[in-house]
Amino acid sequence: MIDLVISIWYGILGGLIRLLVSLLKNYQTSGKIEFNRLWFFFILLICVGAFSGIVLGISKQLSLLGGYAGIDLLDGYYKSFKRKKIKFR
């Protein structure tokens, strides 16, 4: 049980690291931080990080990388949908 909780926290930590990397990257390119999507990604960070910590609970390193990769994937999806306007018929 305690190993599961530790894996969840490592997954959330991996997501938090990715969130900080994304914020620094945005600040370096545009000179500002987008706070409007920060809360959205923070809530997703907890959910995705906890889920990846449970799924990849084999080791702490995998939980950390799973949280990082999960938020990286969601960040990429957000940026791709932000650029294109999708129209449904």
PDB file of N, CA and C in Angstrom:
ATOM      1  N   MET A   1       0.821  -1.197   0.000  1.00  0.00           N
ATOM      2  CA  MET A   1       0.000   0.000   0.000  1.00  0.00           C
ATOM      3  C   MET A   1       0.862   1.257   0.000  1.00  0.00           C
ATOM      4  N   ILE A   2       1.896   1.257   0.842  1.00  0.00           N
ATOM      5  CA  ILE A   2       2.753   2.441   0.917  1.00  0.00           C
ATOM      6  C   ILE A   2       3.560   2.612  -0.372  1.00  0.00           C
ATOM      7  N   ASP A   3       3.892   1.482  -1.036  1.00  0.00           N
ATOM      8  CA  ASP A   3       4.601   1.576  -2.313  1.00  0.00           C
ATOM      9  C   ASP A   3       3.728   2.219  -3.384  1.00  0.00           C
ATOM     10  N   LEU A   4       2.439   1.950  -3.334  1.00  0.00           N
ATOM     11  CA  LEU A   4       1.515   2.546  -4.293  1.00  0.00           C
ATOM     12  C   LEU A   4       1.421   4.061  -4.091  1.00  0.00           C
ATOM     13  N   VAL A   5       1.355   4.487  -2.850  1.00  0.00           N
ATOM     14  CA  VAL A   5       1.285   5.920  -2.550  1.00  0.00           C
ATOM     15  C   VAL A   5       2.575   6.621  -2.987  1.00  0.00           C
ATOM     16  N   ILE A   6       3.704   5.977  -2.760  1.00  0.00           N
ATOM     17  CA  ILE A   6       4.990   6.551  -3.174  1.00  0.00           C
ATOM     18  C   ILE A   6       5.053   6.651  -4.690  1.00  0.00           C
ATOM     19  N   SER A   7       4.569   5.626  -5.406  1.00  0.00           N
ATOM     20  CA  SER A   7       4.553   5.665  -6.869  1.00  0.00           C
ATOM     21  C   SER A   7       3.654   6.775  -7.387  1.00  0.00           C
ATOM     22  N   ILE A   8       2.510   6.983  -6.725  1.00  0.00           N
ATOM     23  CA  ILE A   8       1.616   8.069  -7.122  1.00  0.00           C
ATOM     24  C   ILE A   8       2.306   9.409  -6.956  1.00  0.00           C
ATOM     25  N   TRP A   9       2.985   9.621  -5.840  1.00  0.00           N
ATOM     26  CA  TRP A   9       3.682  10.895  -5.617  1.00  0.00           C
ATOM     27  C   TRP A   9       4.814  11.109  -6.605  1.00  0.00           C
ATOM     28  N   TYR A  10       5.522  10.038  -6.986  1.00  0.00           N
ATOM     29  CA  TYR A  10       6.569  10.183  -7.993  1.00  0.00           C
ATOM     30  C   TYR A  10       5.976  10.530  -9.361  1.00  0.00           C
ATOM     31  N   GLY A  11       4.820   9.962  -9.698  1.00  0.00           N
ATOM     32  CA  GLY A  11       4.159  10.325 -10.950  1.00  0.00           C
ATOM     33  C   GLY A  11       3.739  11.784 -10.964  1.00  0.00           C
ATOM     34  N   ILE A  12       3.212  12.267  -9.849  1.00  0.00           N
ATOM     35  CA  ILE A  12       2.826  13.675  -9.747  1.00  0.00           C
ATOM     36  C   ILE A  12       4.063  14.567  -9.813  1.00  0.00           C
ATOM     37  N   LEU A  13       5.159  14.139  -9.201  1.00  0.00           N
ATOM     38  CA  LEU A  13       6.405  14.913  -9.260  1.00  0.00           C
ATOM     39  C   LEU A  13       6.923  15.003 -10.689  1.00  0.00           C
ATOM     40  N   GLY A  14       6.842  13.913 -11.446  1.00  0.00           N
ATOM     41  CA  GLY A  14       7.244  13.948 -12.856  1.00  0.00           C
ATOM     42  C   GLY A  14       6.396  14.919 -13.657  1.00  0.00           C
ATOM     43  N   GLY A  15       5.107  14.932 -13.403  1.00  0.00           N
ATOM     44  CA  GLY A  15       4.229  15.888 -14.083  1.00  0.00           C
ATOM     45  C   GLY A  15       4.532  17.320 -13.698  1.00  0.00           C
ATOM     46  N   LEU A  16       4.864  17.545 -12.435  1.00  0.00           N
ATOM     47  CA  LEU A  16       5.209  18.883 -11.974  1.00  0.00           C
ATOM     48  C   LEU A  16       6.499  19.381 -12.622  1.00  0.00           C
ATOM     49  N   ILE A  17       7.458  18.489 -12.794  1.00  0.00           N
ATOM     50  CA  ILE A  17       8.704  18.863 -13.479  1.00  0.00           C
ATOM     51  C   ILE A  17       8.403  19.264 -14.915  1.00  0.00           C
ATOM     52  N   ARG A  18       7.534  18.508 -15.586  1.00  0.00           N
ATOM     53  CA  ARG A  18       7.175  18.845 -16.971  1.00  0.00           C
ATOM     54  C   ARG A  18       6.433  20.168 -17.050  1.00  0.00           C
ATOM     55  N   LEU A  19       5.595  20.445 -16.084  1.00  0.00           N
ATOM     56  CA  LEU A  19       4.880  21.717 -16.058  1.00  0.00           C
ATOM     57  C   LEU A  19       5.858  22.877 -15.908  1.00  0.00           C
ATOM     58  N   LEU A  20       6.844  22.728 -15.052  1.00  0.00           N
ATOM     59  CA  LEU A  20       7.844  23.786 -14.878  1.00  0.00           C
ATOM     60  C   LEU A  20       8.681  23.973 -16.140  1.00  0.00           C
ATOM     61  N   VAL A  21       9.030  22.872 -16.805  1.00  0.00           N
ATOM     62  CA  VAL A  21       9.781  22.971 -18.064  1.00  0.00           C
ATOM     63  C   VAL A  21       8.955  23.697 -19.119  1.00  0.00           C
ATOM     64  N   SER A  22       7.685  23.377 -19.196  1.00  0.00           N
ATOM     65  CA  SER A  22       6.800  24.032 -20.165  1.00  0.00           C
ATOM     66  C   SER A  22       6.661  25.530 -19.875  1.00  0.00           C
ATOM     67  N   LEU A  23       6.535  25.885 -18.594  1.00  0.00           N
ATOM     68  CA  LEU A  23       6.444  27.297 -18.231  1.00  0.00           C
ATOM     69  C   LEU A  23       7.720  28.051 -18.577  1.00  0.00           C
ATOM     70  N   LEU A  24       8.870  27.454 -18.307  1.00  0.00           N
ATOM     71  CA  LEU A  24      10.138  28.107 -18.645  1.00  0.00           C
ATOM     72  C   LEU A  24      10.317  28.252 -20.146  1.00  0.00           C
ATOM     73  N   LYS A  25       9.895  27.242 -20.901  1.00  0.00           N
ATOM     74  CA  LYS A  25      10.006  27.312 -22.354  1.00  0.00           C
ATOM     75  C   LYS A  25       9.120  28.424 -22.918  1.00  0.00           C
ATOM     76  N   ASN A  26       7.894  28.530 -22.409  1.00  0.00           N
ATOM     77  CA  ASN A  26       7.004  29.605 -22.861  1.00  0.00           C
ATOM     78  C   ASN A  26       7.545  30.972 -22.481  1.00  0.00           C
ATOM     79  N   TYR A  27       8.130  31.072 -21.306  1.00  0.00           N
ATOM     80  CA  TYR A  27       8.674  32.359 -20.860  1.00  0.00           C
ATOM     81  C   TYR A  27       9.868  32.774 -21.721  1.00  0.00           C
ATOM     82  N   GLN A  28      10.689  31.825 -22.117  1.00  0.00           N
ATOM     83  CA  GLN A  28      11.852  32.152 -22.940  1.00  0.00           C
ATOM     84  C   GLN A  28      11.463  32.545 -24.357  1.00  0.00           C
ATOM     85  N   THR A  29      10.421  31.929 -24.901  1.00  0.00           N
ATOM     86  CA  THR A  29      10.045  32.239 -26.279  1.00  0.00           C
ATOM     87  C   THR A  29       9.175  33.485 -26.389  1.00  0.00           C
ATOM     88  N   SER A  30       8.226  33.648 -25.481  1.00  0.00           N
ATOM     89  CA  SER A  30       7.299  34.772 -25.623  1.00  0.00           C
ATOM     90  C   SER A  30       7.492  35.863 -24.573  1.00  0.00           C
ATOM     91  N   GLY A  31       8.251  35.594 -23.536  1.00  0.00           N
ATOM     92  CA  GLY A  31       8.485  36.596 -22.510  1.00  0.00           C
ATOM     93  C   GLY A  31       7.359  36.730 -21.500  1.00  0.00           C
ATOM     94  N   LYS A  32       6.398  35.812 -21.557  1.00  0.00           N
ATOM     95  CA  LYS A  32       5.294  35.855 -20.601  1.00  0.00           C
ATOM     96  C   LYS A  32       4.874  34.422 -20.256  1.00  0.00           C
ATOM     97  N   ILE A  33       4.160  34.303 -19.166  1.00  0.00           N
ATOM     98  CA  ILE A  33       3.643  33.016 -18.732  1.00  0.00           C
ATOM     99  C   ILE A  33       2.132  33.049 -18.877  1.00  0.00           C
ATOM    100  N   GLU A  34       1.577  32.023 -19.514  1.00  0.00           N
ATOM    101  CA  GLU A  34       0.138  31.948 -19.716  1.00  0.00           C
ATOM    102  C   GLU A  34      -0.510  31.338 -18.476  1.00  0.00           C
ATOM    103  N   PHE A  35      -1.071  32.184 -17.636  1.00  0.00           N
ATOM    104  CA  PHE A  35      -1.686  31.699 -16.410  1.00  0.00           C
ATOM    105  C   PHE A  35      -3.078  31.117 -16.638  1.00  0.00           C
ATOM    106  N   ASN A  36      -3.668  31.407 -17.800  1.00  0.00           N
ATOM    107  CA  ASN A  36      -5.023  30.905 -18.050  1.00  0.00           C
ATOM    108  C   ASN A  36      -5.046  29.391 -18.203  1.00  0.00           C
ATOM    109  N   ARG A  37      -3.986  28.793 -18.715  1.00  0.00           N
ATOM    110  CA  ARG A  37      -3.961  27.344 -18.842  1.00  0.00           C
ATOM    111  C   ARG A  37      -3.176  26.663 -17.726  1.00  0.00           C
ATOM    112  N   LEU A  38      -2.613  27.419 -16.819  1.00  0.00           N
ATOM    113  CA  LEU A  38      -1.813  26.854 -15.739  1.00  0.00           C
ATOM    114  C   LEU A  38      -2.661  26.010 -14.799  1.00  0.00           C
ATOM    115  N   TRP A  39      -3.834  26.493 -14.407  1.00  0.00           N
ATOM    116  CA  TRP A  39      -4.689  25.737 -13.489  1.00  0.00           C
ATOM    117  C   TRP A  39      -5.233  24.486 -14.143  1.00  0.00           C
ATOM    118  N   PHE A  40      -5.548  24.579 -15.422  1.00  0.00           N
ATOM    119  CA  PHE A  40      -6.027  23.417 -16.160  1.00  0.00           C
ATOM    120  C   PHE A  40      -4.967  22.322 -16.180  1.00  0.00           C
ATOM    121  N   PHE A  41      -3.727  22.702 -16.485  1.00  0.00           N
ATOM    122  CA  PHE A  41      -2.658  21.714 -16.522  1.00  0.00           C
ATOM    123  C   PHE A  41      -2.299  21.218 -15.132  1.00  0.00           C
ATOM    124  N   PHE A  42      -2.475  22.032 -14.115  1.00  0.00           N
ATOM    125  CA  PHE A  42      -2.173  21.587 -12.759  1.00  0.00           C
ATOM    126  C   PHE A  42      -3.152  20.497 -12.315  1.00  0.00           C
ATOM    127  N   ILE A  43      -4.422  20.651 -12.648  1.00  0.00           N
ATOM    128  CA  ILE A  43      -5.407  19.623 -12.316  1.00  0.00           C
ATOM    129  C   ILE A  43      -5.141  18.352 -13.124  1.00  0.00           C
ATOM    130  N   LEU A  44      -4.822  18.519 -14.409  1.00  0.00           N
ATOM    131  CA  LEU A  44      -4.470  17.359 -15.220  1.00  0.00           C
ATOM    132  C   LEU A  44      -3.204  16.686 -14.731  1.00  0.00           C
ATOM    133  N   LEU A  45      -2.272  17.488 -14.244  1.00  0.00           N
ATOM    134  CA  LEU A  45      -1.016  16.959 -13.721  1.00  0.00           C
ATOM    135  C   LEU A  45      -1.270  15.984 -12.586  1.00  0.00           C
ATOM    136  N   ILE A  46      -2.162  16.342 -11.679  1.00  0.00           N
ATOM    137  CA  ILE A  46      -2.461  15.470 -10.548  1.00  0.00           C
ATOM    138  C   ILE A  46      -3.118  14.179 -11.036  1.00  0.00           C
ATOM    139  N   CYS A  47      -4.060  14.291 -11.946  1.00  0.00           N
ATOM    140  CA  CYS A  47      -4.765  13.101 -12.440  1.00  0.00           C
ATOM    141  C   CYS A  47      -3.840  12.186 -13.244  1.00  0.00           C
ATOM    142  N   VAL A  48      -3.152  12.745 -14.218  1.00  0.00           N
ATOM    143  CA  VAL A  48      -2.282  11.945 -15.081  1.00  0.00           C
ATOM    144  C   VAL A  48      -1.088  11.419 -14.299  1.00  0.00           C
ATOM    145  N   GLY A  49      -0.518  12.230 -13.440  1.00  0.00           N
ATOM    146  CA  GLY A  49       0.615  11.790 -12.637  1.00  0.00           C
ATOM    147  C   GLY A  49       0.247  10.654 -11.703  1.00  0.00           C
ATOM    148  N   ALA A  50      -0.910  10.753 -11.075  1.00  0.00           N
ATOM    149  CA  ALA A  50      -1.357   9.683 -10.175  1.00  0.00           C
ATOM    150  C   ALA A  50      -1.646   8.409 -10.964  1.00  0.00           C
ATOM    151  N   PHE A  51      -2.292   8.549 -12.117  1.00  0.00           N
ATOM    152  CA  PHE A  51      -2.600   7.375 -12.935  1.00  0.00           C
ATOM    153  C   PHE A  51      -1.328   6.701 -13.433  1.00  0.00           C
ATOM    154  N   SER A  52      -0.375   7.498 -13.922  1.00  0.00           N
ATOM    155  CA  SER A  52       0.874   6.902 -14.407  1.00  0.00           C
ATOM    156  C   SER A  52       1.671   6.300 -13.258  1.00  0.00           C
ATOM    157  N   GLY A  53       1.570   6.881 -12.087  1.00  0.00           N
ATOM    158  CA  GLY A  53       2.238   6.298 -10.926  1.00  0.00           C
ATOM    159  C   GLY A  53       1.659   4.943 -10.568  1.00  0.00           C
ATOM    160  N   ILE A  54       0.351   4.783 -10.726  1.00  0.00           N
ATOM    161  CA  ILE A  54      -0.291   3.499 -10.449  1.00  0.00           C
ATOM    162  C   ILE A  54       0.073   2.473 -11.524  1.00  0.00           C
ATOM    163  N   VAL A  55      -0.034   2.874 -12.789  1.00  0.00           N
ATOM    164  CA  VAL A  55       0.223   1.949 -13.886  1.00  0.00           C
ATOM    165  C   VAL A  55       1.699   1.545 -13.942  1.00  0.00           C
ATOM    166  N   LEU A  56       2.585   2.502 -13.791  1.00  0.00           N
ATOM    167  CA  LEU A  56       4.023   2.235 -13.873  1.00  0.00           C
ATOM    168  C   LEU A  56       4.645   2.150 -12.484  1.00  0.00           C
ATOM    169  N   GLY A  57       3.945   1.533 -11.565  1.00  0.00           N
ATOM    170  CA  GLY A  57       4.416   1.448 -10.191  1.00  0.00           C
ATOM    171  C   GLY A  57       5.488   0.412  -9.956  1.00  0.00           C
ATOM    172  N   ILE A  58       6.111  -0.076 -11.014  1.00  0.00           N
ATOM    173  CA  ILE A  58       7.171  -1.071 -10.875  1.00  0.00           C
ATOM    174  C   ILE A  58       8.365  -0.467 -10.156  1.00  0.00           C
ATOM    175  N   SER A  59       8.711   0.753 -10.551  1.00  0.00           N
ATOM    176  CA  SER A  59       9.821   1.444  -9.891  1.00  0.00           C
ATOM    177  C   SER A  59       9.499   2.931  -9.808  1.00  0.00           C
ATOM    178  N   LYS A  60      10.232   3.601  -8.956  1.00  0.00           N
ATOM    179  CA  LYS A  60      10.014   5.037  -8.768  1.00  0.00           C
ATOM    180  C   LYS A  60      10.415   5.819 -10.015  1.00  0.00           C
ATOM    181  N   GLN A  61      11.467   5.370 -10.687  1.00  0.00           N
ATOM    182  CA  GLN A  61      11.935   6.060 -11.880  1.00  0.00           C
ATOM    183  C   GLN A  61      10.897   6.001 -13.001  1.00  0.00           C
ATOM    184  N   LEU A  62      10.268   4.839 -13.172  1.00  0.00           N
ATOM    185  CA  LEU A  62       9.232   4.724 -14.203  1.00  0.00           C
ATOM    186  C   LEU A  62       8.021   5.583 -13.876  1.00  0.00           C
ATOM    187  N   SER A  63       7.670   5.674 -12.618  1.00  0.00           N
ATOM    188  CA  SER A  63       6.550   6.529 -12.225  1.00  0.00           C
ATOM    189  C   SER A  63       6.859   7.987 -12.519  1.00  0.00           C
ATOM    190  N   LEU A  64       8.081   8.414 -12.232  1.00  0.00           N
ATOM    191  CA  LEU A  64       8.512   9.787 -12.505  1.00  0.00           C
ATOM    192  C   LEU A  64       8.487  10.079 -14.002  1.00  0.00           C
ATOM    193  N   LEU A  65       9.032   9.172 -14.804  1.00  0.00           N
ATOM    194  CA  LEU A  65       9.045   9.362 -16.259  1.00  0.00           C
ATOM    195  C   LEU A  65       7.637   9.288 -16.853  1.00  0.00           C
ATOM    196  N   GLY A  66       6.791   8.446 -16.277  1.00  0.00           N
ATOM    197  CA  GLY A  66       5.414   8.357 -16.766  1.00  0.00           C
ATOM    198  C   GLY A  66       4.645   9.643 -16.543  1.00  0.00           C
ATOM    199  N   GLY A  67       4.813  10.259 -15.382  1.00  0.00           N
ATOM    200  CA  GLY A  67       4.172  11.547 -15.116  1.00  0.00           C
ATOM    201  C   GLY A  67       4.669  12.630 -16.044  1.00  0.00           C
ATOM    202  N   TYR A  68       5.977  12.635 -16.299  1.00  0.00           N
ATOM    203  CA  TYR A  68       6.569  13.621 -17.210  1.00  0.00           C
ATOM    204  C   TYR A  68       6.037  13.423 -18.624  1.00  0.00           C
ATOM    205  N   ALA A  69       6.052  12.185 -19.098  1.00  0.00           N
ATOM    206  CA  ALA A  69       5.621  11.907 -20.469  1.00  0.00           C
ATOM    207  C   ALA A  69       4.128  12.147 -20.660  1.00  0.00           C
ATOM    208  N   GLY A  70       3.333  11.867 -19.638  1.00  0.00           N
ATOM    209  CA  GLY A  70       1.894  12.093 -19.762  1.00  0.00           C
ATOM    210  C   GLY A  70       1.546  13.555 -19.928  1.00  0.00           C
ATOM    211  N   ILE A  71       2.169  14.401 -19.144  1.00  0.00           N
ATOM    212  CA  ILE A  71       1.923  15.842 -19.272  1.00  0.00           C
ATOM    213  C   ILE A  71       2.509  16.378 -20.568  1.00  0.00           C
ATOM    214  N   ASP A  72       3.643  15.825 -21.007  1.00  0.00           N
ATOM    215  CA  ASP A  72       4.234  16.236 -22.275  1.00  0.00           C
ATOM    216  C   ASP A  72       3.290  15.913 -23.434  1.00  0.00           C
ATOM    217  N   LEU A  73       2.660  14.761 -23.385  1.00  0.00           N
ATOM    218  CA  LEU A  73       1.707  14.377 -24.411  1.00  0.00           C
ATOM    219  C   LEU A  73       0.503  15.315 -24.432  1.00  0.00           C
ATOM    220  N   LEU A  74      -0.044  15.620 -23.266  1.00  0.00           N
ATOM    221  CA  LEU A  74      -1.195  16.522 -23.189  1.00  0.00           C
ATOM    222  C   LEU A  74      -0.833  17.943 -23.622  1.00  0.00           C
ATOM    223  N   ASP A  75       0.379  18.381 -23.305  1.00  0.00           N
ATOM    224  CA  ASP A  75       0.835  19.702 -23.729  1.00  0.00           C
ATOM    225  C   ASP A  75       0.949  19.771 -25.252  1.00  0.00           C
ATOM    226  N   GLY A  76       1.440  18.708 -25.857  1.00  0.00           N
ATOM    227  CA  GLY A  76       1.515  18.656 -27.319  1.00  0.00           C
ATOM    228  C   GLY A  76       0.151  18.679 -27.968  1.00  0.00           C
ATOM    229  N   TYR A  77      -0.804  17.938 -27.395  1.00  0.00           N
ATOM    230  CA  TYR A  77      -2.172  17.965 -27.921  1.00  0.00           C
ATOM    231  C   TYR A  77      -2.781  19.361 -27.805  1.00  0.00           C
ATOM    232  N   TYR A  78      -2.548  20.016 -26.683  1.00  0.00           N
ATOM    233  CA  TYR A  78      -3.100  21.349 -26.484  1.00  0.00           C
ATOM    234  C   TYR A  78      -2.555  22.318 -27.522  1.00  0.00           C
ATOM    235  N   LYS A  79      -1.265  22.255 -27.768  1.00  0.00           N
ATOM    236  CA  LYS A  79      -0.653  23.172 -28.731  1.00  0.00           C
ATOM    237  C   LYS A  79      -1.106  22.881 -30.152  1.00  0.00           C
ATOM    238  N   SER A  80      -1.307  21.612 -30.504  1.00  0.00           N
ATOM    239  CA  SER A  80      -1.737  21.296 -31.864  1.00  0.00           C
ATOM    240  C   SER A  80      -3.186  21.715 -32.100  1.00  0.00           C
ATOM    241  N   PHE A  81      -4.056  21.552 -31.114  1.00  0.00           N
ATOM    242  CA  PHE A  81      -5.443  21.980 -31.282  1.00  0.00           C
ATOM    243  C   PHE A  81      -5.579  23.493 -31.184  1.00  0.00           C
ATOM    244  N   LYS A  82      -4.642  24.144 -30.508  1.00  0.00           N
ATOM    245  CA  LYS A  82      -4.687  25.591 -30.409  1.00  0.00           C
ATOM    246  C   LYS A  82      -4.351  26.239 -31.751  1.00  0.00           C
ATOM    247  N   ARG A  83      -3.475  25.615 -32.515  1.00  0.00           N
ATOM    248  CA  ARG A  83      -3.062  26.164 -33.796  1.00  0.00           C
ATOM    249  C   ARG A  83      -4.122  25.984 -34.874  1.00  0.00           C
ATOM    250  N   LYS A  84      -4.797  24.857 -34.863  1.00  0.00           N
ATOM    251  CA  LYS A  84      -5.759  24.550 -35.914  1.00  0.00           C
ATOM    252  C   LYS A  84      -7.184  24.684 -35.385  1.00  0.00           C
ATOM    253  N   LYS A  85      -8.015  25.213 -36.207  1.00  0.00           N
ATOM    254  CA  LYS A  85      -9.443  25.253 -35.904  1.00  0.00           C
ATOM    255  C   LYS A  85     -10.060  24.052 -36.594  1.00  0.00           C
ATOM    256  N   ILE A  86     -10.648  23.192 -35.820  1.00  0.00           N
ATOM    257  CA  ILE A  86     -11.246  21.980 -36.372  1.00  0.00           C
ATOM    258  C   ILE A  86     -12.743  22.242 -36.544  1.00  0.00           C
ATOM    259  N   LYS A  87     -13.222  21.955 -37.746  1.00  0.00           N
ATOM    260  CA  LYS A  87     -14.640  22.134 -38.028  1.00  0.00           C
ATOM    261  C   LYS A  87     -15.263  20.779 -38.296  1.00  0.00           C
ATOM    262  N   PHE A  88     -16.377  20.534 -37.662  1.00  0.00           N
ATOM    263  CA  PHE A  88     -17.133  19.307 -37.893  1.00  0.00           C
ATOM    264  C   PHE A  88     -18.332  19.630 -38.756  1.00  0.00           C
ATOM    265  N   ARG A  89     -18.650  18.731 -39.644  1.00  0.00           N
ATOM    266  CA  ARG A  89     -19.780  18.966 -40.551  1.00  0.00           C
ATOM    267  C   ARG A  89     -21.067  18.511 -39.933  1.00  0.00           C
TER     268      ARG A  89
END
